Amino acid sequence: MGVGVNEHTPSEIQPSNQTTLKRHPERGHFDRALINSILDEAIVSHVGITANDGSAVVIPTLHVRRGDELLLHGSAASRLLRSAQASQICVTITIVDGLVLAQTAFHHSLNYRSVVIFGTPKKVTDLQEADAALNYFVDGLIPGRMADMRPNTEKEIRATTVLSLPISEASAKVRTGPPSHDPNEETSETWTGVIPITTRYGHPKTSNHSNSHLLPDYASNYERPTP
């Protein structure tokens, strides 16, 4: 879970040509607190890059927010991370909140919260900083987990690439509420409304190789931020 931003960080992110919404601009938001809340609740992000051969690639990955930066990590051999370094990437995060069923198929929609971030990530090269970032990453996804872990070895740290992406060119897009209604549309008996969608965590399943069969608090009471 991300920590707060620097006290000198503006509460609003300045819009850019890339982050200014062209379609449904009324759904666009540049409030940093809202953007952070979406980043903290979501687990998976999709990273768009231009590979070394010029092809476009979008790859799903995990992320964690740390202050006003987004942390991404993976194998040092990862094509995504190697291509992403020193080049602009686009990161998209989406949380789906409901199916919106209108009177006509054309007006069907989705309730959602999303964030798009543009920027050039920086590789964390210092071993101590990379180690701290990896530890923060684990605790960001499962708060309290690192206290049960042995320290990372130097070999493990060197085998993992950590990228830091500033959350400085970003915007949120949010749709909430019922379906739109066209007063000129002929009334029918078709049901309209919203079918909510939520993500929940189930009961933990202990591994056959676990050295302990006592569930830690972070597993038995696992929670993430909710809207």
Protein backbone atom coordinates (compact mmCIF):
# COMPACT_ATOMS: atom_id res chain seq x y z
CA MET A 1 0.00 0.00 0.00
CA GLY A 2 1.43 3.33 -0.98
CA VAL A 3 2.58 5.91 1.52
CA GLY A 4 1.64 9.57 1.39
CA VAL A 5 3.30 11.94 -1.02
CA ASN A 6 5.93 14.51 -0.21
CA GLU A 7 4.46 17.50 1.65
CA HIS A 8 5.63 19.75 -1.19
CA THR A 9 3.91 17.66 -3.87
CA PRO A 10 0.98 19.55 -5.44
CA SER A 11 -2.46 18.06 -4.71
CA GLU A 12 -3.35 18.31 -8.41
CA ILE A 13 -1.32 16.84 -11.28
CA GLN A 14 -0.86 19.25 -14.15
CA PRO A 15 -2.70 18.00 -17.28
CA SER A 16 -0.65 17.35 -20.42
CA ASN A 17 -1.57 16.71 -24.04
CA GLN A 18 -1.35 12.98 -23.35
CA THR A 19 -3.41 12.96 -20.16
CA THR A 20 -6.13 15.41 -21.19
CA LEU A 21 -9.27 13.38 -21.96
CA LYS A 22 -10.80 13.85 -25.37
CA ARG A 23 -13.81 11.58 -24.85
CA HIS A 24 -16.02 12.15 -21.79
CA PRO A 25 -13.71 14.79 -20.31
CA GLU A 26 -16.18 15.17 -17.44
CA ARG A 27 -14.96 11.79 -16.17
CA GLY A 28 -11.37 12.93 -16.03
CA HIS A 29 -9.65 13.75 -12.74
CA PHE A 30 -6.20 15.05 -11.86
CA ASP A 31 -6.62 14.92 -8.09
CA ARG A 32 -3.55 13.17 -6.70
CA ALA A 33 -5.42 11.67 -3.75
CA LEU A 34 -7.93 9.99 -6.08
CA ILE A 35 -5.18 8.74 -8.39
CA ASN A 36 -3.25 7.36 -5.41
CA SER A 37 -6.31 5.59 -4.02
CA ILE A 38 -6.84 3.75 -7.33
CA LEU A 39 -3.17 2.79 -7.57
CA ASP A 40 -3.20 1.51 -3.99
CA GLU A 41 -6.35 -0.57 -4.39
CA ALA A 42 -5.36 -2.18 -7.68
CA ILE A 43 -2.79 -4.97 -7.92
CA VAL A 44 -2.29 -5.47 -11.65
CA SER A 45 -1.22 -2.83 -14.14
CA HIS A 46 -0.62 -3.06 -17.88
CA VAL A 47 2.63 -1.59 -19.16
CA GLY A 48 2.85 -0.48 -22.78
CA ILE A 49 6.29 -0.20 -24.34
CA THR A 50 7.93 0.04 -27.72
CA ALA A 51 10.30 -2.91 -27.94
CA ASN A 52 13.81 -2.65 -29.34
CA ASP A 53 12.59 -4.00 -32.69
CA GLY A 54 9.96 -1.26 -32.90
CA SER A 55 6.97 -3.46 -32.11
CA ALA A 56 4.33 -2.38 -29.60
CA VAL A 57 3.97 -4.58 -26.52
CA VAL A 58 1.57 -4.42 -23.56
CA ILE A 59 2.38 -6.67 -20.62
CA PRO A 60 0.46 -7.16 -17.34
CA THR A 61 2.50 -6.89 -14.17
CA LEU A 62 2.27 -6.08 -10.46
CA HIS A 63 2.86 -2.59 -9.12
CA VAL A 64 3.13 -0.79 -5.81
CA ARG A 65 2.98 2.94 -5.17
CA ARG A 66 5.63 4.47 -2.93
CA GLY A 67 4.87 8.11 -2.32
CA ASP A 68 4.77 9.88 -5.67
CA GLU A 69 6.46 7.06 -7.60
CA LEU A 70 5.22 3.75 -9.00
CA LEU A 71 7.45 0.73 -8.47
CA LEU A 72 7.63 -2.03 -11.08
CA HIS A 73 9.83 -5.07 -10.81
CA GLY A 74 10.70 -8.31 -12.55
CA SER A 75 13.50 -10.53 -13.76
CA ALA A 76 16.67 -8.79 -14.86
CA ALA A 77 16.28 -10.79 -18.11
CA SER A 78 12.78 -9.41 -18.73
CA ARG A 79 12.31 -7.86 -22.18
CA LEU A 80 9.72 -5.52 -20.70
CA LEU A 81 12.06 -4.08 -18.11
CA ARG A 82 15.06 -3.90 -20.42
CA SER A 83 13.05 -2.10 -23.11
CA ALA A 84 11.33 0.18 -20.60
CA GLN A 85 14.55 1.64 -19.22
CA ALA A 86 15.38 5.09 -20.60
CA SER A 87 12.30 5.15 -22.86
CA GLN A 88 8.78 6.42 -22.39
CA ILE A 89 6.19 3.90 -21.26
CA CYS A 90 2.46 4.02 -20.61
CA VAL A 91 1.03 2.30 -17.52
CA THR A 92 -2.71 1.65 -17.27
CA ILE A 93 -4.56 0.52 -14.14
CA THR A 94 -8.29 -0.31 -14.13
CA ILE A 95 -10.72 -1.36 -11.41
CA VAL A 96 -14.12 -2.56 -12.67
CA ASP A 97 -17.02 -1.70 -10.35
CA GLY A 98 -20.10 -2.76 -12.30
CA LEU A 99 -21.86 -3.64 -15.54
CA VAL A 100 -24.23 -0.86 -16.56
CA LEU A 101 -27.29 -2.15 -18.43
CA ALA A 102 -29.27 0.51 -20.27
CA GLN A 103 -32.49 0.46 -22.25
CA THR A 104 -30.55 0.04 -25.49
CA ALA A 105 -27.37 -1.88 -26.27
CA PHE A 106 -25.78 1.35 -27.52
CA HIS A 107 -26.01 2.93 -24.05
CA HIS A 108 -24.69 -0.05 -22.11
CA SER A 109 -21.56 0.89 -20.20
CA LEU A 110 -19.21 0.05 -17.34
CA ASN A 111 -18.64 1.61 -13.95
CA TYR A 112 -14.91 1.77 -13.42
CA ARG A 113 -11.96 3.67 -11.97
CA SER A 114 -8.80 3.88 -14.04
CA VAL A 115 -5.44 5.64 -14.09
CA VAL A 116 -3.06 6.21 -16.99
CA ILE A 117 0.55 7.23 -16.31
CA PHE A 118 3.11 8.35 -18.88
CA GLY A 119 6.80 8.71 -18.18
CA THR A 120 10.32 7.37 -18.38
CA PRO A 121 11.15 4.93 -15.58
CA LYS A 122 14.50 4.90 -13.84
CA LYS A 123 16.26 1.69 -12.89
CA VAL A 124 17.20 1.44 -9.22
CA THR A 125 20.89 0.51 -9.46
CA ASP A 126 22.13 0.88 -5.89
CA LEU A 127 21.94 -2.53 -4.19
CA GLN A 128 20.72 -1.18 -0.86
CA GLU A 129 18.08 0.97 -2.53
CA ALA A 130 16.98 -1.96 -4.70
CA ASP A 131 16.77 -4.19 -1.63
CA ALA A 132 14.67 -1.60 0.21
CA ALA A 133 12.40 -1.21 -2.82
CA LEU A 134 11.87 -4.97 -3.11
CA ASN A 135 11.03 -5.21 0.58
CA TYR A 136 8.62 -2.32 0.22
CA PHE A 137 7.08 -4.04 -2.80
CA VAL A 138 6.31 -7.21 -0.84
CA ASP A 139 4.91 -5.32 2.15
CA GLY A 140 2.95 -3.09 -0.21
CA LEU A 141 1.10 -6.12 -1.54
CA ILE A 142 0.94 -8.11 1.71
CA PRO A 143 1.43 -5.77 4.68
CA GLY A 144 3.64 -7.36 7.35
CA ARG A 145 4.95 -10.20 5.17
CA MET A 146 8.60 -9.12 5.13
CA ALA A 147 8.86 -9.54 8.90
CA ASP A 148 8.53 -13.31 8.31
CA MET A 149 11.09 -13.41 5.50
CA ARG A 150 14.83 -13.93 5.57
CA PRO A 151 16.78 -11.03 4.05
CA ASN A 152 17.18 -10.95 0.28
CA THR A 153 20.52 -12.26 -0.91
CA GLU A 154 22.76 -10.18 -3.15
CA LYS A 155 22.25 -12.73 -5.91
CA GLU A 156 18.48 -12.34 -5.68
CA ILE A 157 18.71 -8.56 -5.72
CA ARG A 158 20.99 -8.55 -8.77
CA ALA A 159 18.65 -10.98 -10.55
CA THR A 160 15.74 -8.57 -10.12
CA THR A 161 15.23 -5.25 -11.86
CA VAL A 162 13.34 -2.51 -10.04
CA LEU A 163 12.01 0.47 -11.98
CA SER A 164 10.77 3.71 -10.46
CA LEU A 165 8.22 5.69 -12.49
CA PRO A 166 7.33 9.20 -11.30
CA ILE A 167 3.59 9.82 -10.97
CA SER A 168 3.90 13.26 -12.53
CA GLU A 169 2.08 12.86 -15.86
CA ALA A 170 -1.10 10.99 -14.99
CA SER A 171 -4.87 11.20 -14.97
CA ALA A 172 -7.78 9.23 -13.58
CA LYS A 173 -11.01 8.43 -15.39
CA VAL A 174 -14.06 7.36 -13.42
CA ARG A 175 -17.62 6.36 -14.29
CA THR A 176 -20.21 5.83 -11.58
CA GLY A 177 -23.97 5.69 -11.31
CA PRO A 178 -26.93 4.28 -13.26
CA PRO A 179 -27.27 3.90 -17.03
CA SER A 180 -28.00 6.92 -19.14
CA HIS A 181 -31.57 7.28 -20.35
CA ASP A 182 -32.76 8.66 -23.66
CA PRO A 183 -36.18 10.27 -23.08
CA ASN A 184 -36.94 9.94 -26.79
CA GLU A 185 -36.44 6.17 -26.71
CA GLU A 186 -39.64 4.13 -26.78
CA THR A 187 -40.32 2.64 -23.35
CA SER A 188 -39.96 -1.14 -23.15
CA GLU A 189 -40.17 -3.80 -20.48
CA THR A 190 -36.39 -4.28 -20.54
CA TRP A 191 -34.75 -4.21 -17.12
CA THR A 192 -32.12 -1.52 -16.64
CA GLY A 193 -29.67 -1.00 -13.81
CA VAL A 194 -26.21 -1.82 -12.53
CA ILE A 195 -24.74 -5.24 -11.72
CA PRO A 196 -22.01 -4.54 -9.13
CA ILE A 197 -18.61 -6.22 -9.48
CA THR A 198 -16.31 -6.60 -6.49
CA THR A 199 -13.00 -8.34 -5.82
CA ARG A 200 -12.73 -10.28 -2.59
CA TYR A 201 -10.09 -12.47 -1.01
CA GLY A 202 -10.89 -16.05 -0.03
CA HIS A 203 -9.65 -18.24 2.79
CA PRO A 204 -5.88 -18.88 2.55
CA LYS A 205 -4.76 -22.36 1.51
CA THR A 206 -1.63 -23.59 3.27
CA SER A 207 1.10 -24.99 1.04
CA ASN A 208 2.18 -28.61 1.45
CA HIS A 209 5.72 -27.29 1.92
CA SER A 210 4.83 -24.71 4.57
CA ASN A 211 6.85 -24.93 7.78
CA SER A 212 3.95 -23.48 9.70
CA HIS A 213 0.26 -24.33 9.67
CA LEU A 214 -0.64 -21.31 11.80
CA LEU A 215 -2.04 -18.58 9.63
CA PRO A 216 -0.36 -15.21 10.21
CA ASP A 217 -2.61 -12.21 10.73
CA TYR A 218 -1.78 -10.78 7.32
CA ALA A 219 -3.13 -13.95 5.67
CA SER A 220 -6.16 -14.64 7.84
CA ASN A 221 -7.22 -10.98 7.98
CA TYR A 222 -5.97 -9.90 4.59
CA GLU A 223 -7.47 -6.65 3.43
CA ARG A 224 -6.63 -4.02 0.87
CA PRO A 225 -7.96 -0.46 0.54
CA THR A 226 -11.58 -0.19 -0.54
CA PRO A 227 -13.25 2.75 -2.28
